[in-house]
Amino acid sequence: MATRLRLLTAFAFAAGLLAACGNTKPNPADPAYIGQEGPSSSGSMPGGSVLGDSSLIFGTGKDRPGGPKAGTDAGGGALGVNAYLWRGALDTLSFMPLASADPFGGVIITDWYTPAAANGERFKATAYILGRELRSDGVRVSIFRQVLDNGQWVDAPVSPITVGDIENKVLSRARELREQSQASS
């Protein structure tokens, strides 16, 4: 009897999960557009994307159907968050190794980074892009710091000034990217 009850509970749970999936929207990206290569099909990552056109990954392509129109701050294209803030955060944190990035949820997580000048100290960052508009409250950064103490990494405080400086650099880079985008259109 208990086995049957567990099976019914598991079935009901699975059915609930499947029913929740029924409300999803189809991917708005045009498959024909995704397959196209950009103007520089170098195939490398440093300037932007694997396909060569960084606007494809970051949703700022001017020729993309449904892309941002001139004079708007959305810069979102296919992203769930503001593309300029997203790219600004990636550029600002690029000196740290990237652990994960979710452009739809707006979360960037770096791996631990040890500066060359600070032996016995390491840092990790998480950036949250909070919306689709380019605003000063649209980005939050958390910095984590650890120091080496008797062979063990121990959490240490981070100055709020440091966190504010990183957030300001992300915002400055995002504004710069928006200006470049508007100048080229």
Protein backbone atom coordinates (compact mmCIF):
# COMPACT_ATOMS: atom_id res chain seq x y z
CA MET A 1 0.00 0.00 0.00
CA ALA A 2 2.82 2.43 0.89
CA THR A 3 4.53 1.71 -2.44
CA ARG A 4 1.33 2.48 -4.32
CA LEU A 5 0.91 5.74 -2.40
CA ARG A 6 4.48 6.76 -3.24
CA LEU A 7 3.90 5.98 -6.91
CA LEU A 8 0.71 8.04 -6.97
CA THR A 9 2.46 10.93 -5.22
CA ALA A 10 5.38 10.80 -7.66
CA PHE A 11 2.97 10.66 -10.60
CA ALA A 12 0.98 13.65 -9.30
CA PHE A 13 4.19 15.62 -8.78
CA ALA A 14 5.44 14.80 -12.29
CA ALA A 15 2.06 15.72 -13.80
CA GLY A 16 2.18 19.05 -11.96
CA LEU A 17 5.64 19.77 -13.33
CA LEU A 18 4.53 18.96 -16.86
CA ALA A 19 1.42 21.11 -16.51
CA ALA A 20 3.57 24.04 -15.40
CA CYS A 21 5.55 23.75 -18.64
CA GLY A 22 2.43 24.32 -20.73
CA ASN A 23 2.47 28.07 -20.10
CA THR A 24 5.87 28.71 -21.68
CA LYS A 25 6.29 30.96 -24.70
CA PRO A 26 8.13 29.83 -27.83
CA ASN A 27 11.65 31.11 -28.46
CA PRO A 28 11.26 34.41 -30.36
CA ALA A 29 14.64 34.05 -32.08
CA ASP A 30 14.34 33.48 -35.79
CA PRO A 31 16.25 30.24 -36.59
CA ALA A 32 17.20 31.62 -40.00
CA TYR A 33 18.90 34.59 -38.33
CA ILE A 34 20.79 32.51 -35.77
CA GLY A 35 22.55 30.53 -38.47
CA GLN A 36 23.92 33.64 -40.20
CA GLU A 37 27.46 34.72 -39.52
CA GLY A 38 28.28 38.33 -38.77
CA PRO A 39 30.56 40.64 -40.72
CA SER A 40 33.71 39.26 -39.10
CA SER A 41 33.48 35.50 -38.94
CA SER A 42 36.77 35.00 -37.15
CA GLY A 43 35.24 32.28 -34.98
CA SER A 44 37.07 33.41 -31.85
CA MET A 45 35.77 34.70 -28.55
CA PRO A 46 37.93 37.73 -27.59
CA GLY A 47 35.85 40.51 -29.11
CA GLY A 48 32.48 38.99 -28.81
CA SER A 49 31.18 35.66 -29.97
CA VAL A 50 31.86 32.29 -31.43
CA LEU A 51 29.96 33.28 -34.58
CA GLY A 52 31.95 36.47 -34.98
CA ASP A 53 29.07 38.95 -34.59
CA SER A 54 28.95 40.01 -30.94
CA SER A 55 25.59 41.65 -31.51
CA LEU A 56 24.05 38.21 -31.99
CA ILE A 57 24.97 37.01 -28.51
CA PHE A 58 24.24 40.26 -26.72
CA GLY A 59 20.99 41.09 -28.52
CA THR A 60 22.02 44.47 -29.91
CA GLY A 61 21.99 43.70 -33.63
CA LYS A 62 20.53 46.64 -35.56
CA ASP A 63 19.43 44.43 -38.44
CA ARG A 64 17.76 41.84 -36.23
CA PRO A 65 13.97 41.76 -36.46
CA GLY A 66 12.51 42.98 -33.17
CA GLY A 67 15.85 44.42 -32.05
CA PRO A 68 16.15 47.72 -30.23
CA LYS A 69 14.94 50.79 -32.06
CA ALA A 70 16.91 54.02 -32.18
CA GLY A 71 16.43 56.11 -29.08
CA THR A 72 15.41 53.29 -26.74
CA ASP A 73 17.36 52.04 -23.77
CA ALA A 74 15.99 48.52 -23.94
CA GLY A 75 19.01 47.14 -25.77
CA GLY A 76 17.54 43.77 -24.88
CA GLY A 77 16.87 41.96 -28.14
CA ALA A 78 16.66 38.33 -27.07
CA LEU A 79 18.07 38.88 -23.59
CA GLY A 80 15.94 38.96 -20.48
CA VAL A 81 17.96 41.92 -19.20
CA ASN A 82 19.49 45.12 -20.56
CA ALA A 83 22.14 44.15 -23.10
CA TYR A 84 24.36 47.15 -22.35
CA LEU A 85 24.45 46.39 -18.62
CA TRP A 86 25.03 42.72 -19.41
CA ARG A 87 27.96 43.41 -21.70
CA GLY A 88 29.28 46.12 -19.35
CA ALA A 89 29.32 43.63 -16.48
CA LEU A 90 31.04 40.99 -18.60
CA ASP A 91 33.66 43.49 -19.78
CA THR A 92 34.26 44.86 -16.28
CA LEU A 93 34.66 41.43 -14.70
CA SER A 94 36.62 39.97 -17.62
CA PHE A 95 39.88 39.95 -15.62
CA MET A 96 38.36 37.21 -13.44
CA PRO A 97 37.70 33.67 -14.72
CA LEU A 98 34.05 33.19 -15.62
CA ALA A 99 32.27 30.35 -13.78
CA SER A 100 28.78 30.85 -15.23
CA ALA A 101 26.63 33.40 -17.01
CA ASP A 102 22.85 33.41 -17.43
CA PRO A 103 21.82 36.16 -19.87
CA PHE A 104 18.11 35.47 -19.40
CA GLY A 105 18.21 35.56 -15.61
CA GLY A 106 20.86 38.27 -15.58
CA VAL A 107 23.43 36.57 -13.35
CA ILE A 108 27.20 36.47 -13.91
CA ILE A 109 29.33 34.43 -11.50
CA THR A 110 33.10 34.44 -11.59
CA ASP A 111 35.46 31.85 -10.21
CA TRP A 112 38.05 32.66 -7.56
CA TYR A 113 40.73 35.09 -8.73
CA THR A 114 44.06 35.73 -7.03
CA PRO A 115 45.74 39.00 -8.06
CA ALA A 116 49.45 38.70 -8.78
CA ALA A 117 50.27 41.41 -6.22
CA ALA A 118 48.13 39.87 -3.44
CA ASN A 119 49.47 36.44 -2.63
CA GLY A 120 47.35 34.69 0.00
CA GLU A 121 44.18 36.56 -0.95
CA ARG A 122 41.49 35.73 -3.50
CA PHE A 123 38.27 37.28 -4.78
CA LYS A 124 35.05 36.11 -6.38
CA ALA A 125 32.24 38.23 -7.84
CA THR A 126 28.58 37.84 -8.70
CA ALA A 127 26.83 40.45 -10.83
CA TYR A 128 23.05 40.73 -11.03
CA ILE A 129 21.45 42.64 -13.91
CA LEU A 130 18.05 43.60 -12.53
CA GLY A 131 16.04 44.83 -15.49
CA ARG A 132 15.72 45.76 -19.12
CA GLU A 133 16.46 49.47 -18.69
CA LEU A 134 19.86 51.11 -18.42
CA ARG A 135 19.53 52.60 -14.94
CA SER A 136 21.90 53.06 -12.03
CA ASP A 137 19.85 50.66 -9.89
CA GLY A 138 19.84 48.06 -12.66
CA VAL A 139 23.03 46.31 -11.53
CA ARG A 140 24.14 44.84 -8.21
CA VAL A 141 27.54 43.33 -7.61
CA SER A 142 28.58 41.13 -4.70
CA ILE A 143 32.29 40.66 -4.04
CA PHE A 144 33.59 37.82 -1.89
CA ARG A 145 37.08 37.85 -0.39
CA GLN A 146 39.07 35.12 1.29
CA VAL A 147 42.51 35.19 2.90
CA LEU A 148 44.84 32.26 3.44
CA ASP A 149 45.21 31.53 7.15
CA ASN A 150 47.30 28.50 8.19
CA GLY A 151 46.63 26.74 4.89
CA GLN A 152 42.85 27.35 5.01
CA TRP A 153 40.83 29.92 3.06
CA VAL A 154 38.91 32.11 5.50
CA ASP A 155 36.18 34.59 4.56
CA ALA A 156 37.18 38.22 5.00
CA PRO A 157 35.20 41.47 4.70
CA VAL A 158 35.09 43.50 1.50
CA SER A 159 34.94 47.28 1.56
CA PRO A 160 31.58 48.67 0.38
CA ILE A 161 33.63 51.24 -1.53
CA THR A 162 35.12 48.44 -3.64
CA VAL A 163 31.67 47.08 -4.46
CA GLY A 164 30.45 50.58 -5.37
CA ASP A 165 33.49 51.15 -7.58
CA ILE A 166 32.85 47.92 -9.51
CA GLU A 167 29.15 48.78 -9.97
CA ASN A 168 30.11 52.25 -11.23
CA LYS A 169 32.57 50.74 -13.71
CA VAL A 170 29.84 48.43 -15.02
CA LEU A 171 27.49 51.40 -15.45
CA SER A 172 30.18 53.50 -17.17
CA ARG A 173 30.98 50.67 -19.58
CA ALA A 174 27.26 50.15 -20.30
CA ARG A 175 26.80 53.84 -21.11
CA GLU A 176 29.86 53.77 -23.34
CA LEU A 177 28.48 50.74 -25.21
CA ARG A 178 25.10 52.47 -25.66
CA GLU A 179 26.80 55.60 -27.02
CA GLN A 180 28.85 53.52 -29.45
CA SER A 181 25.72 51.71 -30.59
CA GLN A 182 23.78 54.94 -31.12
CA ALA A 183 26.70 56.56 -32.94
CA SER A 184 26.93 53.68 -35.39
CA SER A 185 23.20 53.68 -36.21
